[in-house]
């Protein structure tokens, strides 16, 4: 439906869809979307899953590698808590 304020709406049917599917950038947009989705799944799921499997199977230095993996997660809240403590009680 095509509409401009102050005029009657005009029914365009499937013309908008036809124009989109004929646009050469439409295929590029889909390709970019699929590439992003695949990379996000690999980086966000497969790599952490494999890392968890490897860390779970380690016999030696298991605690060290757990600290190395969890330390970046734990540092920001600890720093934040210490900063707030310092702000309120210098």
Protein backbone atom coordinates (compact mmCIF):
# COMPACT_ATOMS: atom_id res chain seq x y z
CA UNK A 1 0.00 0.00 0.00
CA UNK A 2 1.37 3.37 -0.99
CA UNK A 3 0.37 6.33 1.16
CA UNK A 4 1.32 9.94 1.49
CA UNK A 5 -0.31 12.06 4.19
CA UNK A 6 -3.28 14.03 2.92
CA UNK A 7 -4.09 11.71 0.01
CA UNK A 8 -5.98 8.49 -0.46
CA UNK A 9 -3.97 5.28 -0.08
CA UNK A 10 -3.11 3.49 -3.31
CA UNK A 11 -2.96 -0.32 -3.41
CA UNK A 12 0.24 -1.50 -5.10
CA UNK A 13 -0.18 -5.25 -4.58
CA UNK A 14 3.06 -7.16 -4.71
CA UNK A 15 5.00 -4.47 -6.58
CA UNK A 16 7.14 -3.74 -3.52
CA UNK A 17 8.14 -7.40 -3.20
CA UNK A 18 8.87 -7.64 -6.92
CA UNK A 19 11.11 -4.59 -6.71
CA UNK A 20 12.97 -5.96 -3.69
CA UNK A 21 13.62 -9.37 -5.25
CA UNK A 22 14.93 -7.74 -8.43
CA UNK A 23 17.28 -5.45 -6.53
CA UNK A 24 20.90 -6.67 -6.90
CA UNK A 25 21.72 -5.57 -3.35
CA UNK A 26 19.07 -7.94 -1.96
CA UNK A 27 21.24 -11.02 -2.63
CA UNK A 28 24.26 -9.28 -1.12
CA UNK A 29 22.25 -8.41 1.99
CA UNK A 30 21.16 -12.04 2.41
CA UNK A 31 24.72 -13.27 1.88
CA UNK A 32 26.01 -10.83 4.51
CA UNK A 33 23.27 -11.86 6.93
CA UNK A 34 24.00 -15.56 6.51
CA UNK A 35 27.75 -14.99 6.84
CA UNK A 36 27.24 -13.01 10.04
CA UNK A 37 24.89 -15.68 11.42
CA UNK A 38 27.28 -18.54 10.72
CA UNK A 39 30.26 -16.67 12.17
CA UNK A 40 28.26 -15.66 15.26
CA UNK A 41 27.25 -19.27 15.84
CA UNK A 42 30.78 -20.57 15.40
CA UNK A 43 32.37 -17.89 17.58
CA UNK A 44 29.57 -17.78 20.14
CA UNK A 45 28.81 -21.50 20.45
CA UNK A 46 31.31 -23.87 18.87
CA UNK A 47 34.53 -22.34 20.16
CA UNK A 48 33.33 -21.96 23.79
CA UNK A 49 31.87 -25.48 23.66
CA UNK A 50 35.16 -26.97 22.46
CA UNK A 51 37.07 -24.94 25.04
CA UNK A 52 34.79 -26.27 27.78
CA UNK A 53 35.33 -29.84 26.59
CA UNK A 54 39.10 -29.40 26.56
CA UNK A 55 39.12 -27.80 30.02
CA UNK A 56 36.94 -30.59 31.37
CA UNK A 57 39.27 -33.30 30.05
CA UNK A 58 42.51 -31.81 31.39
CA UNK A 59 44.15 -33.74 34.18
CA UNK A 60 47.14 -31.51 34.93
CA UNK A 61 46.94 -27.77 35.47
CA UNK A 62 43.12 -27.89 35.44
CA UNK A 63 42.83 -25.25 38.16
CA UNK A 64 45.28 -22.93 36.40
CA UNK A 65 43.36 -22.98 33.12
CA UNK A 66 40.04 -22.51 34.92
CA UNK A 67 41.46 -19.39 36.58
CA UNK A 68 42.78 -18.14 33.22
CA UNK A 69 39.35 -18.62 31.64
CA UNK A 70 37.24 -17.22 34.52
CA UNK A 71 39.50 -14.34 35.55
CA UNK A 72 38.40 -11.95 32.76
CA UNK A 73 34.81 -12.58 33.82
CA UNK A 74 35.47 -11.91 37.50
CA UNK A 75 37.72 -8.84 37.30
CA UNK A 76 35.11 -6.21 36.22
CA UNK A 77 32.62 -6.85 39.07
CA UNK A 78 35.43 -6.92 41.64
CA UNK A 79 36.91 -3.67 40.32
CA UNK A 80 33.45 -2.10 40.26
CA UNK A 81 32.77 -3.13 43.86
CA UNK A 82 36.13 -1.78 44.99
CA UNK A 83 35.56 1.51 43.17
CA UNK A 84 32.13 1.98 44.76
CA UNK A 85 33.60 1.15 48.16
CA UNK A 86 36.32 3.74 47.55
CA UNK A 87 33.75 6.35 46.38
CA UNK A 88 31.65 5.99 49.53
CA UNK A 89 34.47 5.42 52.02
CA UNK A 90 37.69 7.06 50.83
